[in-house]
Amino acid sequence: MAQIDVKELLETTREHFREGNYRIAESLLQQLLLQDSKNPEIFHMLATIYYDQGKFNKAIKTFRRALEIDPGYTDASVGLSIILNDLGKYDEGKKVFVEAQDVLARRNNESDPYVQERLATKHDELGELYFQYKRYDEALEQYERALTLSSRKAELKMKVIECFLKKDDANRAFKDLRALVQEYPQFVPARLKLGILYWGAKRTIEAIEQWEGVLMRDPDHPQAQKYLHMAQEAGTTLVT
C-alpha cells in the first residue's frame, strides 16, 4: 500500500472514530496496524474502542502500547487513567498521567502557549475524573495545576471553588468567590454561585445584589430571575 493510501486510510479512520462508528473504525485500524505499527494514535483509537466494548484488559494493554511508542502521548495517558480509575486504581491512574505530562513538558518549550494550554486541558480532564469519583483533594490538585498553565482562569477557579464546597470549606469558597467576582466582574457563574452562598448563609441583601448583578449583564438569565423571584416570594424587598 502506498504511503498516500495509508494517510488517506488514517484520515478515513479518524472520521469514523470521531463519529462513533466504532465497528468500521476498528476494522480500519486493524488494517492500519499492518502498515504502521509505530503510530500511537492508532493504538489510542483502538484502545478507546476496546474500552467502549468493556474489554478493559485489552484496552489497558493497547493504551500502554501507545505510551511505549510515545511516552508523552497525553490522549493515551488520560484514556489509561480513566480505565484505571474505573477499576479503583486511583494512584496508578494519576501516576500514568503525571509521567506522560512530565515527558511532554521536557520535550517541548514550556513557554509555548499551545503546549501549556494542551497540558492544562489534560489536567482539567483528569480533575473532572477525580471530581466524578468524589476524590476532591486530587481533583483540586489537578485544577490548580491547570490554572498555572491555562488562560481559562475564571472557569478553572470556579472548579477549584466547587472542590472547596465539596470539602465543606465554605469559608475558603466564600473568599475565593468574592475575589473571583472582583477580578472578573463579567463572569456570571461566579456571581450566581456567590448569591446562592449568601442566601444559604441568610445574607439576603448580599445575595440579591449578586443576582441583580447577573441580570444587569444578562437580563434574561433564567436562574438569576428564578432566585430573585424566590427572594420576593420570601417577602424580601429587592434592592434597586
Protein backbone atom coordinates (compact mmCIF):
# COMPACT_ATOMS: atom_id res chain seq x y z
CA MET A 1 0.00 0.00 0.00
CA ALA A 2 1.44 3.38 -0.98
CA GLN A 3 2.18 5.98 1.69
CA ILE A 4 -0.53 8.28 0.42
CA ASP A 5 -3.02 5.44 0.80
CA VAL A 6 -2.02 4.97 4.44
CA LYS A 7 -2.58 8.67 5.09
CA GLU A 8 -5.97 8.56 3.41
CA LEU A 9 -6.94 5.43 5.31
CA LEU A 10 -5.89 7.06 8.60
CA GLU A 11 -7.96 10.15 7.87
CA THR A 12 -10.98 8.00 6.98
CA THR A 13 -10.50 6.05 10.20
CA ARG A 14 -10.35 9.28 12.21
CA GLU A 15 -13.65 10.40 10.72
CA HIS A 16 -15.39 7.15 11.64
CA PHE A 17 -13.81 7.23 15.11
CA ARG A 18 -14.93 10.81 15.79
CA GLU A 19 -18.45 9.99 14.61
CA GLY A 20 -18.64 6.95 16.88
CA ASN A 21 -18.70 4.39 14.07
CA TYR A 22 -16.52 2.08 16.11
CA ARG A 23 -17.23 -1.14 14.24
CA ILE A 24 -15.98 0.34 10.98
CA ALA A 25 -13.15 2.21 12.70
CA GLU A 26 -11.91 -0.97 14.41
CA SER A 27 -11.73 -2.81 11.09
CA LEU A 28 -9.79 0.06 9.51
CA LEU A 29 -7.45 0.30 12.49
CA GLN A 30 -6.56 -3.38 12.13
CA GLN A 31 -5.65 -2.67 8.51
CA LEU A 32 -3.56 0.31 9.57
CA LEU A 33 -1.64 -1.77 12.10
CA LEU A 34 -0.40 -3.95 9.24
CA GLN A 35 1.02 -0.84 7.57
CA ASP A 36 2.15 1.27 10.51
CA SER A 37 2.70 -0.32 13.91
CA LYS A 38 4.58 2.70 15.32
CA ASN A 39 1.79 5.28 15.30
CA PRO A 40 0.50 5.87 18.87
CA GLU A 41 -2.72 7.43 17.56
CA ILE A 42 -3.72 4.09 16.03
CA PHE A 43 -3.29 2.32 19.36
CA HIS A 44 -5.08 5.13 21.20
CA MET A 45 -8.16 4.87 18.99
CA LEU A 46 -8.15 1.09 19.17
CA ALA A 47 -7.82 1.14 22.96
CA THR A 48 -10.70 3.59 23.23
CA ILE A 49 -12.86 1.21 21.20
CA TYR A 50 -11.89 -1.72 23.42
CA TYR A 51 -12.81 0.36 26.46
CA ASP A 52 -16.19 1.16 24.94
CA GLN A 53 -16.70 -2.58 24.38
CA GLY A 54 -15.91 -3.33 28.02
CA LYS A 55 -12.66 -5.11 27.14
CA PHE A 56 -10.73 -3.38 29.90
CA ASN A 57 -7.63 -5.58 29.99
CA LYS A 58 -7.24 -5.34 26.24
CA ALA A 59 -7.78 -1.58 26.38
CA ILE A 60 -5.15 -1.16 29.11
CA LYS A 61 -2.62 -3.18 27.13
CA THR A 62 -3.31 -1.16 23.98
CA PHE A 63 -3.13 2.22 25.73
CA ARG A 64 0.19 1.13 27.25
CA ARG A 65 1.42 0.23 23.79
CA ALA A 66 0.63 3.77 22.61
CA LEU A 67 2.62 5.13 25.54
CA GLU A 68 5.53 2.81 24.82
CA ILE A 69 5.75 4.35 21.37
CA ASP A 70 5.28 7.91 22.64
CA PRO A 71 5.53 8.34 26.44
CA GLY A 72 4.23 11.90 26.09
CA TYR A 73 1.05 10.98 24.22
CA THR A 74 -1.36 12.59 26.66
CA ASP A 75 -4.56 11.37 24.98
CA ALA A 76 -3.46 7.81 25.66
CA SER A 77 -2.37 8.63 29.21
CA VAL A 78 -5.73 10.20 30.00
CA GLY A 79 -7.56 7.23 28.48
CA LEU A 80 -5.49 4.81 30.53
CA SER A 81 -6.02 6.91 33.66
CA ILE A 82 -9.79 6.75 33.15
CA ILE A 83 -9.77 2.96 32.97
CA LEU A 84 -7.51 2.60 35.99
CA ASN A 85 -9.78 4.92 37.95
CA ASP A 86 -12.80 2.92 36.86
CA LEU A 87 -11.07 -0.14 38.29
CA GLY A 88 -10.31 1.66 41.55
CA LYS A 89 -6.58 2.01 40.81
CA TYR A 90 -6.56 5.75 41.51
CA ASP A 91 -2.91 6.21 42.40
CA GLU A 92 -1.75 4.23 39.40
CA GLY A 93 -4.04 6.25 37.14
CA LYS A 94 -2.63 9.51 38.45
CA LYS A 95 0.94 8.28 38.06
CA VAL A 96 0.37 7.37 34.40
CA PHE A 97 -0.84 10.84 33.50
CA VAL A 98 1.76 12.75 35.52
CA GLU A 99 4.59 10.78 33.92
CA ALA A 100 3.27 11.47 30.42
CA GLN A 101 2.85 15.15 31.21
CA ASP A 102 6.41 15.39 32.52
CA VAL A 103 7.74 13.82 29.32
CA LEU A 104 5.78 16.26 27.18
CA ALA A 105 6.89 19.24 29.25
CA ARG A 106 10.56 18.27 28.90
CA ARG A 107 10.19 17.64 25.20
CA ASN A 108 8.57 20.97 24.36
CA ASN A 109 9.32 24.56 25.10
CA GLU A 110 7.39 25.17 28.31
CA SER A 111 6.81 28.81 27.33
CA ASP A 112 4.87 27.75 24.22
CA PRO A 113 1.23 28.79 24.84
CA TYR A 114 -0.10 25.93 22.73
CA VAL A 115 1.83 23.35 24.74
CA GLN A 116 0.84 24.94 28.03
CA GLU A 117 -2.85 25.02 27.08
CA ARG A 118 -2.72 21.41 25.95
CA LEU A 119 -1.21 20.34 29.25
CA ALA A 120 -3.78 22.44 31.11
CA THR A 121 -6.60 20.72 29.24
CA LYS A 122 -5.34 17.31 30.28
CA HIS A 123 -5.01 18.38 33.91
CA ASP A 124 -8.57 19.71 33.68
CA GLU A 125 -9.82 16.40 32.26
CA LEU A 126 -8.11 14.44 35.00
CA GLY A 127 -9.51 16.84 37.58
CA GLU A 128 -13.00 16.20 36.24
CA LEU A 129 -12.38 12.49 36.57
CA TYR A 130 -11.30 12.76 40.21
CA PHE A 131 -14.24 15.07 40.95
CA GLN A 132 -16.59 12.49 39.47
CA TYR A 133 -15.21 9.89 41.87
CA LYS A 134 -15.50 12.33 44.80
CA ARG A 135 -11.74 12.43 45.25
CA TYR A 136 -11.78 16.17 45.81
CA ASP A 137 -8.21 16.62 47.03
CA GLU A 138 -6.84 15.02 43.87
CA ALA A 139 -9.29 17.00 41.73
CA LEU A 140 -8.20 20.20 43.44
CA GLU A 141 -4.55 19.39 42.76
CA GLN A 142 -5.23 18.87 39.05
CA TYR A 143 -7.34 22.02 38.67
CA GLU A 144 -4.65 24.08 40.37
CA ARG A 145 -2.02 22.66 38.04
CA ALA A 146 -4.24 23.56 35.11
CA LEU A 147 -4.55 27.09 36.47
CA THR A 148 -0.82 27.64 36.31
CA LEU A 149 -0.80 26.76 32.61
CA SER A 150 -4.11 27.91 31.16
CA SER A 151 -5.60 31.22 30.09
CA ARG A 152 -9.05 29.95 31.19
CA LYS A 153 -8.56 31.36 34.68
CA ALA A 154 -12.14 32.17 35.65
CA GLU A 155 -13.54 28.81 34.55
CA LEU A 156 -10.83 26.85 36.36
CA LYS A 157 -11.09 28.94 39.50
CA MET A 158 -14.78 28.06 39.63
CA LYS A 159 -13.85 24.39 39.56
CA VAL A 160 -11.41 24.94 42.42
CA ILE A 161 -14.19 26.64 44.38
CA GLU A 162 -16.54 23.72 43.76
CA CYS A 163 -13.90 21.43 45.26
CA PHE A 164 -13.73 23.56 48.40
CA LEU A 165 -17.51 23.43 48.68
CA LYS A 166 -17.47 19.65 48.38
CA LYS A 167 -14.78 19.57 51.07
CA ASP A 168 -17.11 21.63 53.33
CA ASP A 169 -14.67 24.54 53.36
CA ALA A 170 -17.28 27.26 52.96
CA ASN A 171 -15.00 30.00 54.30
CA ARG A 172 -12.42 29.37 51.61
CA ALA A 173 -15.14 29.10 48.94
CA PHE A 174 -16.62 32.46 50.02
CA LYS A 175 -13.21 34.11 50.00
CA ASP A 176 -12.27 32.77 46.57
CA LEU A 177 -15.67 33.57 45.06
CA ARG A 178 -15.56 37.16 46.26
CA ALA A 179 -12.07 37.52 44.79
CA LEU A 180 -13.20 35.93 41.52
CA VAL A 181 -16.17 38.30 41.18
CA GLN A 182 -13.89 41.25 41.84
CA GLU A 183 -11.30 40.06 39.33
CA TYR A 184 -13.82 39.01 36.65
CA PRO A 185 -16.96 41.13 37.21
CA GLN A 186 -18.48 39.94 33.92
CA PHE A 187 -18.15 36.25 34.81
CA VAL A 188 -21.78 35.39 35.52
CA PRO A 189 -21.35 31.87 37.04
CA ALA A 190 -19.30 33.31 39.92
CA ARG A 191 -21.90 35.96 40.75
CA LEU A 192 -24.70 33.41 40.59
CA LYS A 193 -22.88 30.98 42.90
CA LEU A 194 -21.87 33.72 45.34
CA GLY A 195 -25.52 34.77 45.56
CA ILE A 196 -26.50 31.20 46.36
CA LEU A 197 -23.91 31.00 49.14
CA TYR A 198 -25.04 34.32 50.59
CA TRP A 199 -28.65 33.13 50.51
CA GLY A 200 -27.72 29.91 52.30
CA ALA A 201 -25.95 31.98 54.94
CA LYS A 202 -29.10 34.13 55.33
CA ARG A 203 -27.25 37.18 53.99
CA THR A 204 -30.23 38.07 51.85
CA ILE A 205 -29.31 41.59 50.73
CA GLU A 206 -25.89 40.47 49.50
CA ALA A 207 -27.46 37.53 47.69
CA ILE A 208 -29.89 39.82 45.91
CA GLU A 209 -27.09 42.19 44.93
CA GLN A 210 -25.25 39.35 43.21
CA TRP A 211 -28.31 38.11 41.34
CA GLU A 212 -29.19 41.63 40.26
CA GLY A 213 -25.60 41.97 39.10
CA VAL A 214 -26.16 38.92 36.89
CA LEU A 215 -29.32 40.44 35.40
CA MET A 216 -27.52 43.70 34.68
CA ARG A 217 -25.22 41.72 32.41
CA ASP A 218 -27.77 39.19 31.16
CA PRO A 219 -31.36 40.47 31.66
CA ASP A 220 -32.90 37.17 30.58
CA HIS A 221 -30.76 34.89 32.74
CA PRO A 222 -33.30 32.26 33.91
CA GLN A 223 -31.58 31.18 37.10
CA ALA A 224 -30.99 34.71 38.33
CA GLN A 225 -34.64 35.52 37.62
CA LYS A 226 -35.70 32.39 39.49
CA TYR A 227 -33.62 33.26 42.56
CA LEU A 228 -34.84 36.83 42.67
CA HIS A 229 -38.41 35.59 42.41
CA MET A 230 -37.67 33.22 45.28
CA ALA A 231 -36.48 36.18 47.35
CA GLN A 232 -39.64 38.08 46.50
CA GLU A 233 -41.80 35.11 47.46
CA ALA A 234 -39.97 35.03 50.78
CA GLY A 235 -41.19 38.58 51.39
CA THR A 236 -37.88 40.32 50.76
CA THR A 237 -37.86 43.83 49.34
CA LEU A 238 -35.50 43.92 46.39
CA VAL A 239 -32.69 46.41 46.39
CA THR A 240 -32.84 48.82 43.44
